[in-house]
Amino acid sequence: MRLHLQITRSTETVPFNYQHYLTGVLHKWIGPENEVHDKTSLYSFSWFQQVNTSSHGIRTTDRSSFFISAYDDKLLKRILYGIRLDPVIGFGIKVSGVQITAPPVFSNKEVFRTASPILIKRRQDNNEKHIEHNDPNASQYLTEALQKKLAIAGLPGEGLRVAFDAAYPSPRTKIIKYKEIGNRVNICPVIIEGTPEQIEFAWHVGVGNSTGIGFGALK
């Protein structure tokens, strides 16, 4: 299930690196009994869509929105309850409407555009390395990350493959700061092959690392 949230026009400029604000709001909506905090995230959320950008930051408009997806419908119901109690996001923005959508019907191979950049992290030689889309191991790492989440959910991971779309003409990377920590992320569609159930799971939880703080959400 996915919550598409319509939001209001901002009264303040939103900084470009606003993910940690949105993460905090998400956990506010989940509530105090928050068993998903600091655990592997079986959910994902997009960045704000349809915004105006300036050199100082972004401004949401009456057309702006974002979405929250989760494998567990109960989690989304808790978030929805939290939104009804307190729809305020910050910067003068609040939730003005909610649309609940079911997942599409998937085949055994799908191409997804991203609703937030993809982060891949690995520890190498006691350092954290951020993997780029053209790294020869990128597909392996993306696949392993999703298989780990499938295992946590009690679902099979055999036969799954996740890869960046090599035919995409303009993949790129950029540095995104989360609480002043720089993350090199990838902006490129992904191809997922597997069972329709595995692909639907990916549509909910996103791909790569740190989907719980706003990376790797899939359109």
Protein backbone atom coordinates (compact mmCIF):
# COMPACT_ATOMS: atom_id res chain seq x y z
CA MET A 1 0.00 0.00 0.00
CA ARG A 2 1.17 3.55 -0.63
CA LEU A 3 0.09 6.87 0.84
CA HIS A 4 0.20 9.76 -1.64
CA LEU A 5 0.22 12.94 0.42
CA GLN A 6 -0.87 16.25 -1.06
CA ILE A 7 0.81 19.11 0.77
CA THR A 8 0.27 22.85 1.07
CA ARG A 9 2.32 25.74 -0.21
CA SER A 10 5.32 26.47 2.03
CA THR A 11 5.54 29.80 3.83
CA GLU A 12 9.32 29.47 4.30
CA THR A 13 12.13 28.33 2.02
CA VAL A 14 12.93 24.66 2.57
CA PRO A 15 16.67 23.85 2.60
CA PHE A 16 17.88 21.48 -0.12
CA ASN A 17 19.00 18.95 2.50
CA TYR A 18 15.63 18.58 4.21
CA GLN A 19 15.50 14.78 4.47
CA HIS A 20 16.16 14.63 8.20
CA TYR A 21 13.21 16.97 8.80
CA LEU A 22 10.96 14.68 6.77
CA THR A 23 12.34 11.60 8.56
CA GLY A 24 11.54 13.22 11.91
CA VAL A 25 7.99 14.00 10.82
CA LEU A 26 7.52 10.41 9.65
CA HIS A 27 8.52 9.08 13.08
CA LYS A 28 6.25 11.64 14.74
CA TRP A 29 3.38 10.18 12.75
CA ILE A 30 4.36 6.60 13.61
CA GLY A 31 4.07 7.54 17.28
CA PRO A 32 5.93 6.86 20.52
CA GLU A 33 5.71 3.05 20.31
CA ASN A 34 8.08 3.01 17.39
CA GLU A 35 9.51 -0.45 16.83
CA VAL A 36 10.87 0.42 13.37
CA HIS A 37 13.31 3.08 14.60
CA ASP A 38 16.98 2.14 14.01
CA LYS A 39 16.01 -1.15 12.34
CA THR A 40 16.34 -2.23 8.71
CA SER A 41 13.58 -0.29 6.98
CA LEU A 42 10.80 -2.19 5.24
CA TYR A 43 9.40 1.13 4.06
CA SER A 44 10.47 4.05 1.88
CA PHE A 45 9.42 7.60 1.13
CA SER A 46 9.93 9.96 -1.75
CA TRP A 47 11.24 13.49 -1.80
CA PHE A 48 8.83 16.35 -2.38
CA GLN A 49 7.49 16.35 -5.95
CA GLN A 50 6.42 19.36 -8.04
CA VAL A 51 8.37 22.08 -6.21
CA ASN A 52 9.90 25.41 -7.19
CA THR A 53 13.67 25.64 -6.86
CA SER A 54 15.89 28.66 -6.27
CA SER A 55 19.51 29.16 -5.32
CA HIS A 56 18.47 29.23 -1.65
CA GLY A 57 16.33 26.09 -1.48
CA ILE A 58 12.89 24.91 -2.54
CA ARG A 59 9.31 26.04 -2.13
CA THR A 60 6.35 23.70 -2.24
CA THR A 61 3.26 24.71 -4.18
CA ASP A 62 -0.41 23.74 -4.16
CA ARG A 63 0.54 20.96 -6.61
CA SER A 64 3.30 19.49 -4.44
CA SER A 65 3.17 16.00 -2.94
CA PHE A 66 5.21 13.05 -1.74
CA PHE A 67 4.52 9.42 -0.93
CA ILE A 68 5.19 6.87 1.79
CA SER A 69 5.27 3.14 0.98
CA ALA A 70 5.53 0.18 3.33
CA TYR A 71 5.36 -3.59 3.14
CA ASP A 72 3.30 -3.67 6.34
CA ASP A 73 -0.11 -2.04 5.88
CA LYS A 74 -0.42 -1.71 9.67
CA LEU A 75 2.52 0.70 9.70
CA LEU A 76 0.86 2.88 7.07
CA LYS A 77 -2.38 2.88 9.06
CA ARG A 78 -0.46 4.16 12.08
CA ILE A 79 1.13 6.87 9.93
CA LEU A 80 -2.28 7.81 8.56
CA TYR A 81 -3.65 8.10 12.10
CA GLY A 82 -0.67 10.28 13.05
CA ILE A 83 -1.29 12.55 10.07
CA ARG A 84 -4.90 13.02 11.12
CA LEU A 85 -3.77 13.98 14.64
CA ASP A 86 -1.08 16.40 13.44
CA PRO A 87 -0.70 17.10 9.70
CA VAL A 88 2.08 19.69 10.18
CA ILE A 89 5.37 18.98 8.39
CA GLY A 90 7.23 22.24 8.94
CA PHE A 91 8.26 25.34 6.96
CA GLY A 92 4.56 26.25 6.85
CA ILE A 93 3.77 22.96 5.09
CA LYS A 94 1.08 20.54 6.17
CA VAL A 95 -0.71 17.57 4.64
CA SER A 96 -3.87 18.71 2.84
CA GLY A 97 -5.03 15.39 1.41
CA VAL A 98 -4.24 11.68 1.32
CA GLN A 99 -4.79 9.13 -1.43
CA ILE A 100 -4.28 5.45 -0.66
CA THR A 101 -3.20 3.28 -3.59
CA ALA A 102 -2.66 -0.44 -3.98
CA PRO A 103 0.43 -1.72 -5.81
CA PRO A 104 0.22 -2.25 -9.57
CA VAL A 105 0.25 -5.73 -11.09
CA PHE A 106 3.90 -6.53 -11.87
CA SER A 107 5.51 -8.94 -14.33
CA ASN A 108 8.83 -10.77 -13.86
CA LYS A 109 10.87 -7.79 -15.04
CA GLU A 110 10.22 -4.12 -14.41
CA VAL A 111 12.05 -0.82 -14.91
CA PHE A 112 11.60 1.76 -12.16
CA ARG A 113 12.47 5.42 -12.06
CA THR A 114 13.52 6.72 -8.67
CA ALA A 115 11.56 9.08 -6.44
CA SER A 116 14.69 9.70 -4.36
CA PRO A 117 18.36 8.97 -5.21
CA ILE A 118 19.82 5.55 -4.52
CA LEU A 119 22.52 5.12 -1.87
CA ILE A 120 24.74 2.04 -1.72
CA LYS A 121 27.12 1.75 1.25
CA ARG A 122 29.77 -0.86 2.01
CA ARG A 123 32.48 -1.11 4.65
CA GLN A 124 35.86 -1.54 2.99
CA ASP A 125 39.21 -1.35 4.82
CA ASN A 126 37.50 0.14 7.90
CA ASN A 127 36.02 2.92 5.79
CA GLU A 128 32.51 3.43 4.48
CA LYS A 129 32.51 3.48 0.68
CA HIS A 130 29.61 4.82 -1.34
CA ILE A 131 29.15 2.80 -4.51
CA GLU A 132 28.44 4.48 -7.84
CA HIS A 133 26.17 3.19 -10.60
CA ASN A 134 29.11 2.20 -12.84
CA ASP A 135 30.85 0.13 -10.17
CA PRO A 136 31.12 -3.51 -11.36
CA ASN A 137 29.69 -4.70 -8.03
CA ALA A 138 26.75 -2.28 -7.92
CA SER A 139 24.19 -4.85 -9.10
CA GLN A 140 25.41 -7.42 -6.58
CA TYR A 141 25.14 -4.93 -3.73
CA LEU A 142 21.66 -3.76 -4.77
CA THR A 143 20.49 -7.36 -5.02
CA GLU A 144 21.97 -8.33 -1.65
CA ALA A 145 20.36 -5.36 0.09
CA LEU A 146 16.91 -6.28 -1.21
CA GLN A 147 17.41 -9.98 -0.45
CA LYS A 148 18.25 -9.07 3.15
CA LYS A 149 14.98 -7.20 3.47
CA LEU A 150 13.05 -10.06 1.87
CA ALA A 151 14.57 -12.43 4.45
CA ILE A 152 13.53 -10.12 7.31
CA ALA A 153 9.98 -10.16 5.94
CA GLY A 154 10.08 -13.97 5.67
CA LEU A 155 9.98 -13.95 1.87
CA PRO A 156 12.23 -15.87 -0.56
CA GLY A 157 15.05 -14.00 -2.27
CA GLU A 158 16.15 -16.62 -4.80
CA GLY A 159 16.13 -15.61 -8.46
CA LEU A 160 16.15 -11.88 -7.72
CA ARG A 161 18.36 -9.43 -9.59
CA VAL A 162 18.52 -5.65 -9.20
CA ALA A 163 20.69 -3.51 -11.49
CA PHE A 164 21.00 0.06 -12.66
CA ASP A 165 19.59 0.54 -16.16
CA ALA A 166 22.69 0.50 -18.39
CA ALA A 167 20.63 1.86 -21.30
CA TYR A 168 19.67 5.03 -19.45
CA PRO A 169 21.41 7.89 -21.31
CA SER A 170 22.23 10.23 -18.44
CA PRO A 171 22.96 8.54 -15.11
CA ARG A 172 24.67 10.75 -12.59
CA THR A 173 25.85 10.97 -9.01
CA LYS A 174 25.71 13.82 -6.52
CA ILE A 175 26.52 14.50 -2.90
CA ILE A 176 23.51 14.73 -0.59
CA LYS A 177 24.06 15.74 3.02
CA TYR A 178 22.06 14.11 5.78
CA LYS A 179 22.68 15.95 9.05
CA GLU A 180 25.91 17.33 7.56
CA ILE A 181 27.15 13.86 6.54
CA GLY A 182 27.82 13.70 2.82
CA ASN A 183 26.43 10.76 0.85
CA ARG A 184 27.30 10.09 -2.78
CA VAL A 185 24.05 8.93 -4.32
CA ASN A 186 22.94 7.71 -7.75
CA ILE A 187 20.22 9.12 -9.97
CA CYS A 188 19.44 6.37 -12.45
CA PRO A 189 16.52 3.98 -13.06
CA VAL A 190 16.82 0.38 -11.94
CA ILE A 191 15.78 -2.89 -13.54
CA ILE A 192 14.42 -5.55 -11.20
CA GLU A 193 13.99 -9.18 -12.26
CA GLY A 194 12.29 -11.75 -10.06
CA THR A 195 8.85 -12.93 -9.12
CA PRO A 196 5.98 -10.42 -9.19
CA GLU A 197 5.86 -10.72 -5.38
CA GLN A 198 9.54 -9.80 -5.04
CA ILE A 199 9.12 -6.85 -7.38
CA GLU A 200 6.04 -5.64 -5.51
CA PHE A 201 8.06 -5.85 -2.28
CA ALA A 202 10.77 -3.65 -3.85
CA TRP A 203 8.11 -1.14 -4.93
CA HIS A 204 7.14 -0.86 -1.27
CA VAL A 205 10.52 -0.81 0.48
CA GLY A 206 12.80 0.80 -2.13
CA VAL A 207 16.30 -0.28 -3.14
CA GLY A 208 19.80 0.30 -1.81
CA ASN A 209 20.64 1.46 1.69
CA SER A 210 18.96 3.94 4.05
CA THR A 211 15.48 3.86 2.52
CA GLY A 212 14.17 4.76 5.98
CA ILE A 213 15.79 8.20 5.75
CA GLY A 214 14.66 9.04 2.23
CA PHE A 215 16.90 7.21 -0.23
CA GLY A 216 15.99 4.66 -2.90
CA ALA A 217 12.23 5.13 -3.20
CA LEU A 218 10.76 3.82 -6.47
CA LYS A 219 8.08 5.42 -8.62
